C-alpha atoms as a PDB file:
ATOM      1  CA  MET A   1       6.829   6.762  -9.213  1.00  0.00           C
ATOM      2  CA  PRO A   2       8.456   4.913  -6.974  1.00  0.00           C
ATOM      3  CA  THR A   3      10.047   7.814  -4.523  1.00  0.00           C
ATOM      4  CA  PRO A   4       7.929  10.858  -4.355  1.00  0.00           C
ATOM      5  CA  ASP A   5      10.188  13.830  -5.152  1.00  0.00           C
ATOM      6  CA  PHE A   6       9.499  15.619  -1.823  1.00  0.00           C
ATOM      7  CA  VAL A   7      11.338  12.618  -0.373  1.00  0.00           C
ATOM      8  CA  LEU A   8      14.837  12.551  -3.107  1.00  0.00           C
ATOM      9  CA  GLY A   9      14.844  16.116  -1.605  1.00  0.00           C
ATOM     10  CA  LEU A  10      14.706  15.363   1.910  1.00  0.00           C
ATOM     11  CA  ARG A  11      17.702  12.612   0.859  1.00  0.00           C
ATOM     12  CA  ARG A  12      19.760  15.072  -0.888  1.00  0.00           C
ATOM     13  CA  ARG A  13      20.091  16.918   2.445  1.00  0.00           C
ATOM     14  CA  ILE A  14      19.640  13.886   4.824  1.00  0.00           C
ATOM     15  CA  GLY A  15      21.031  10.918   3.176  1.00  0.00           C
ATOM     16  CA  HIS A  16      20.263   7.589   4.697  1.00  0.00           C
ATOM     17  CA  GLU A  17      19.446   9.254   7.997  1.00  0.00           C
ATOM     18  CA  LEU A  18      15.332   8.106   9.556  1.00  0.00           C
ATOM     19  CA  LEU A  19      13.240   9.667   7.939  1.00  0.00           C
ATOM     20  CA  TYR A  20       9.363   8.880   9.911  1.00  0.00           C
ATOM     21  CA  LEU A  21       6.572   8.943   6.235  1.00  0.00           C
ATOM     22  CA  VAL A  22       3.047   8.594   6.798  1.00  0.00           C
ATOM     23  CA  GLY A  23       2.219   5.404   3.761  1.00  0.00           C
ATOM     24  CA  THR A  24      -1.223   4.000   2.988  1.00  0.00           C
ATOM     25  CA  THR A  25      -1.957   0.606   1.588  1.00  0.00           C
ATOM     26  CA  ALA A  26      -5.442  -0.541  -0.061  1.00  0.00           C
ATOM     27  CA  VAL A  27      -7.382  -3.980   0.703  1.00  0.00           C
ATOM     28  CA  VAL A  28      -9.714  -4.347  -2.440  1.00  0.00           C
ATOM     29  CA  LEU A  29     -11.938  -6.926  -3.227  1.00  0.00           C
ATOM     30  CA  ASP A  30     -14.071  -7.608  -6.383  1.00  0.00           C
ATOM     31  CA  GLY A  31     -17.398  -8.799  -6.500  1.00  0.00           C
ATOM     32  CA  GLU A  32     -16.259 -12.234  -6.324  1.00  0.00           C
ATOM     33  CA  GLY A  33     -14.374 -11.897  -3.336  1.00  0.00           C
ATOM     34  CA  ARG A  34     -10.886 -12.265  -4.899  1.00  0.00           C
ATOM     35  CA  LEU A  35      -8.304  -9.845  -3.804  1.00  0.00           C
ATOM     36  CA  LEU A  36      -5.738  -7.649  -5.698  1.00  0.00           C
ATOM     37  CA  LEU A  37      -2.566  -7.645  -5.800  1.00  0.00           C
ATOM     38  CA  GLY A  38       0.896  -6.398  -7.198  1.00  0.00           C
ATOM     39  CA  LEU A  39       4.297  -7.657  -7.805  1.00  0.00           C
ATOM     40  CA  ARG A  40       6.028  -5.539  -6.933  1.00  0.00           C
ATOM     41  CA  ALA A  41       9.247  -4.786  -9.309  1.00  0.00           C
ATOM     42  CA  ASP A  42      11.629  -3.930  -6.396  1.00  0.00           C
ATOM     43  CA  VAL A  43      11.547  -6.951  -4.256  1.00  0.00           C
ATOM     44  CA  ARG A  44       9.853  -9.468  -6.520  1.00  0.00           C
ATOM     45  CA  GLU A  45       7.431 -10.248  -3.639  1.00  0.00           C
ATOM     46  CA  TRP A  46       3.231  -9.873  -4.119  1.00  0.00           C
ATOM     47  CA  ALA A  47       1.865  -7.275  -1.717  1.00  0.00           C
ATOM     48  CA  LEU A  48      -1.220  -4.944  -1.661  1.00  0.00           C
ATOM     49  CA  PRO A  49      -1.192  -1.707  -3.343  1.00  0.00           C
ATOM     50  CA  SER A  50       0.305   1.131  -0.931  1.00  0.00           C
ATOM     51  CA  GLY A  51       2.450   3.973  -1.804  1.00  0.00           C
ATOM     52  CA  ILE A  52       3.383   7.633   0.271  1.00  0.00           C
ATOM     53  CA  VAL A  53       1.422   9.800   1.586  1.00  0.00           C
ATOM     54  CA  GLU A  54       2.747  13.483  -0.337  1.00  0.00           C
ATOM     55  CA  PRO A  55       2.371  16.575   1.865  1.00  0.00           C
ATOM     56  CA  GLY A  56      -0.575  18.259   2.008  1.00  0.00           C
ATOM     57  CA  GLU A  57      -2.727  15.315   0.785  1.00  0.00           C
ATOM     58  CA  GLU A  58      -5.004  13.501   2.735  1.00  0.00           C
ATOM     59  CA  PRO A  59      -4.333   9.283   3.409  1.00  0.00           C
ATOM     60  CA  ALA A  60      -7.493   8.445   1.496  1.00  0.00           C
ATOM     61  CA  VAL A  61      -6.906  10.663  -1.638  1.00  0.00           C
ATOM     62  CA  ALA A  62      -3.519   9.089  -1.461  1.00  0.00           C
ATOM     63  CA  ILE A  63      -4.205   5.876  -1.932  1.00  0.00           C
ATOM     64  CA  ALA A  64      -7.271   6.172  -3.956  1.00  0.00           C
ATOM     65  CA  ARG A  65      -4.348   7.849  -6.769  1.00  0.00           C
ATOM     66  CA  GLU A  66      -1.924   4.764  -5.633  1.00  0.00           C
ATOM     67  CA  VAL A  67      -3.948   2.141  -7.086  1.00  0.00           C
ATOM     68  CA  LEU A  68      -4.693   4.152 -10.205  1.00  0.00           C
ATOM     69  CA  GLU A  69      -1.829   4.833 -10.589  1.00  0.00           C
ATOM     70  CA  GLU A  70       0.192   1.190  -9.932  1.00  0.00           C
ATOM     71  CA  THR A  71      -2.966  -0.999 -11.115  1.00  0.00           C
ATOM     72  CA  GLY A  72      -5.039   1.324 -13.423  1.00  0.00           C
ATOM     73  CA  LEU A  73      -8.623   0.935 -11.664  1.00  0.00           C
ATOM     74  CA  LEU A  74     -10.029   3.529 -10.009  1.00  0.00           C
ATOM     75  CA  VAL A  75     -11.541   2.502  -6.177  1.00  0.00           C
ATOM     76  CA  VAL A  76     -12.805   4.504  -3.825  1.00  0.00           C
ATOM     77  CA  PRO A  77     -11.665   4.192  -0.070  1.00  0.00           C
ATOM     78  CA  GLU A  78     -14.867   3.037   2.031  1.00  0.00           C
ATOM     79  CA  HIS A  79     -13.628   2.138   5.509  1.00  0.00           C
ATOM     80  CA  LEU A  80      -9.860   2.771   7.486  1.00  0.00           C
ATOM     81  CA  THR A  81      -8.990   0.051   9.021  1.00  0.00           C
ATOM     82  CA  SER A  82      -5.846   0.083  10.522  1.00  0.00           C
ATOM     83  CA  ILE A  83      -3.153   2.483  11.362  1.00  0.00           C
ATOM     84  CA  GLU A  84      -0.223   1.149  12.215  1.00  0.00           C
ATOM     85  CA  SER A  85       4.103   2.420  12.521  1.00  0.00           C
ATOM     86  CA  THR A  86       6.110  -0.038  11.062  1.00  0.00           C
ATOM     87  CA  PRO A  87       9.100  -0.705  12.855  1.00  0.00           C
ATOM     88  CA  VAL A  88      12.558   1.254  11.576  1.00  0.00           C
ATOM     89  CA  LEU A  89      12.954  -0.305   7.693  1.00  0.00           C
ATOM     90  CA  THR A  90      16.603   0.007   5.638  1.00  0.00           C
ATOM     91  CA  HIS A  91      15.841  -0.465   1.898  1.00  0.00           C
ATOM     92  CA  THR A  92      18.475  -1.863  -0.314  1.00  0.00           C
ATOM     93  CA  ASN A  93      20.119   1.945  -0.854  1.00  0.00           C
ATOM     94  CA  GLY A  94      20.882   2.186   2.935  1.00  0.00           C
ATOM     95  CA  ASP A  95      18.124   4.957   3.232  1.00  0.00           C
ATOM     96  CA  ARG A  96      16.351   3.734   7.090  1.00  0.00           C
ATOM     97  CA  VAL A  97      12.476   4.858   7.313  1.00  0.00           C
ATOM     98  CA  ILE A  98       9.325   4.040   9.444  1.00  0.00           C
ATOM     99  CA  TYR A  99       6.252   4.263   8.373  1.00  0.00           C
ATOM    100  CA  LEU A 100       2.726   5.294   9.608  1.00  0.00           C
ATOM    101  CA  ASP A 101       0.380   3.284   7.428  1.00  0.00           C
ATOM    102  CA  HIS A 102      -3.322   3.390   6.857  1.00  0.00           C
ATOM    103  CA  THR A 103      -4.521   0.933   5.698  1.00  0.00           C
ATOM    104  CA  PHE A 104      -8.555   0.990   3.694  1.00  0.00           C
ATOM    105  CA  ALA A 105     -10.872  -1.137   2.414  1.00  0.00           C
ATOM    106  CA  CYS A 106     -11.425   0.196  -0.729  1.00  0.00           C
ATOM    107  CA  ARG A 107     -14.032  -0.478  -3.434  1.00  0.00           C
ATOM    108  CA  VAL A 108     -13.185  -0.943  -7.328  1.00  0.00           C
ATOM    109  CA  LEU A 109     -15.748   2.282  -9.603  1.00  0.00           C
ATOM    110  CA  SER A 110     -13.944   1.482 -12.991  1.00  0.00           C
ATOM    111  CA  GLY A 111     -10.793   0.006 -14.869  1.00  0.00           C
ATOM    112  CA  VAL A 112      -9.160  -2.829 -15.633  1.00  0.00           C
ATOM    113  CA  ALA A 113      -6.278  -4.291 -13.343  1.00  0.00           C
ATOM    114  CA  ARG A 114      -3.074  -4.282 -14.797  1.00  0.00           C
ATOM    115  CA  PRO A 115       0.536  -3.437 -14.410  1.00  0.00           C
ATOM    116  CA  ALA A 116       0.100   0.887 -14.930  1.00  0.00           C
ATOM    117  CA  ASP A 117       3.513   1.897 -14.012  1.00  0.00           C
ATOM    118  CA  GLU A 118       7.054   0.512 -13.605  1.00  0.00           C
ATOM    119  CA  GLU A 119       6.033  -0.342  -9.673  1.00  0.00           C
ATOM    120  CA  ASN A 120       4.516  -3.788 -10.753  1.00  0.00           C
ATOM    121  CA  LEU A 121       5.890  -6.511 -12.712  1.00  0.00           C
ATOM    122  CA  GLN A 122       1.768  -8.747 -12.574  1.00  0.00           C
ATOM    123  CA  VAL A 123      -1.171  -7.511 -11.032  1.00  0.00           C
ATOM    124  CA  GLY A 124      -3.771  -9.753 -10.444  1.00  0.00           C
ATOM    125  CA  TRP A 125      -7.047 -10.778  -8.504  1.00  0.00           C
ATOM    126  CA  PHE A 126      -6.793 -13.604  -6.110  1.00  0.00           C
ATOM    127  CA  PRO A 127      -9.207 -15.793  -4.317  1.00  0.00           C
ATOM    128  CA  LEU A 128      -8.424 -14.971  -0.545  1.00  0.00           C
ATOM    129  CA  ASP A 129      -8.060 -19.344   0.098  1.00  0.00           C
ATOM    130  CA  ASP A 130      -5.318 -18.956  -2.672  1.00  0.00           C
ATOM    131  CA  LEU A 131      -2.892 -16.225  -2.203  1.00  0.00           C
ATOM    132  CA  PRO A 132       0.694 -16.603  -3.551  1.00  0.00           C
ATOM    133  CA  PRO A 133       2.792 -15.664  -1.054  1.00  0.00           C
ATOM    134  CA  LEU A 134       2.419 -12.137   0.523  1.00  0.00           C
ATOM    135  CA  ARG A 135       5.595  -9.361   1.467  1.00  0.00           C
ATOM    136  CA  GLU A 136       4.963  -9.243   5.389  1.00  0.00           C
ATOM    137  CA  SER A 137       3.828  -5.934   5.596  1.00  0.00           C
ATOM    138  CA  SER A 138       0.971  -6.989   3.560  1.00  0.00           C
ATOM    139  CA  GLN A 139      -0.083 -10.329   5.815  1.00  0.00           C
ATOM    140  CA  GLY A 140      -0.741  -8.266   8.287  1.00  0.00           C
ATOM    141  CA  ARG A 141      -2.470  -4.810   6.966  1.00  0.00           C
ATOM    142  CA  LEU A 142      -4.532  -7.640   5.102  1.00  0.00           C
ATOM    143  CA  ALA A 143      -5.367  -9.640   8.223  1.00  0.00           C
ATOM    144  CA  HIS A 144      -5.971  -7.129  10.072  1.00  0.00           C
ATOM    145  CA  ALA A 145      -8.760  -5.576   7.267  1.00  0.00           C
ATOM    146  CA  LEU A 146     -10.173  -8.325   6.672  1.00  0.00           C
ATOM    147  CA  ALA A 147     -10.899  -8.674  10.714  1.00  0.00           C
ATOM    148  CA  PHE A 148     -12.162  -5.044  10.778  1.00  0.00           C
ATOM    149  CA  ASP A 149     -15.624  -4.851  12.692  1.00  0.00           C
ATOM    150  CA  GLY A 150     -16.264  -1.482  11.468  1.00  0.00           C
ATOM    151  CA  HIS A 151     -15.332   0.311  15.192  1.00  0.00           C
ATOM    152  CA  THR A 152     -11.784  -0.671  15.677  1.00  0.00           C
ATOM    153  CA  TRP A 153      -9.261   0.664  13.131  1.00  0.00           C
ATOM    154  CA  PHE A 154      -6.023   0.650  14.702  1.00  0.00           C
ATOM    155  CA  ALA A 155      -3.500  -2.218  14.709  1.00  0.00           C
ATOM    156  CA  THR A 156      -3.292  -4.298  18.249  1.00  0.00           C
ATOM    157  CA  SER A 157      -0.822  -6.672  17.567  1.00  0.00           C
END
């Protein structure tokens, strides 16, 4: 589901006014060191799996849910690699939002990568040295995850 029901309910009340949401992103590498990406249907850009945390949901639980919904893969989040706030973003429909994103390095437990919902046109594994052009937000989150040293878990850029 692209936009959670709770966000749609809020938007009916506040229109396009600025909304602060909690987001979550997955950096998933397979046993060969390839990165999981999806070609997003809305913006036609390759991106890391991501989504919005539901009220009362933990970000780690949310990203496991999002990866399963988007790619058909069951993953376990192993490390929180960064937390960052986006600048104010304006979606194509005029909605203004800031996301507080939690990026997790995740390990695959089972499944076969495939577009599992309408959010992605394609899903695939890519060698880190041969990635397609990535959505800007994914570039930064991937860089933080790959630089993660096991201690620093916040974005410092």
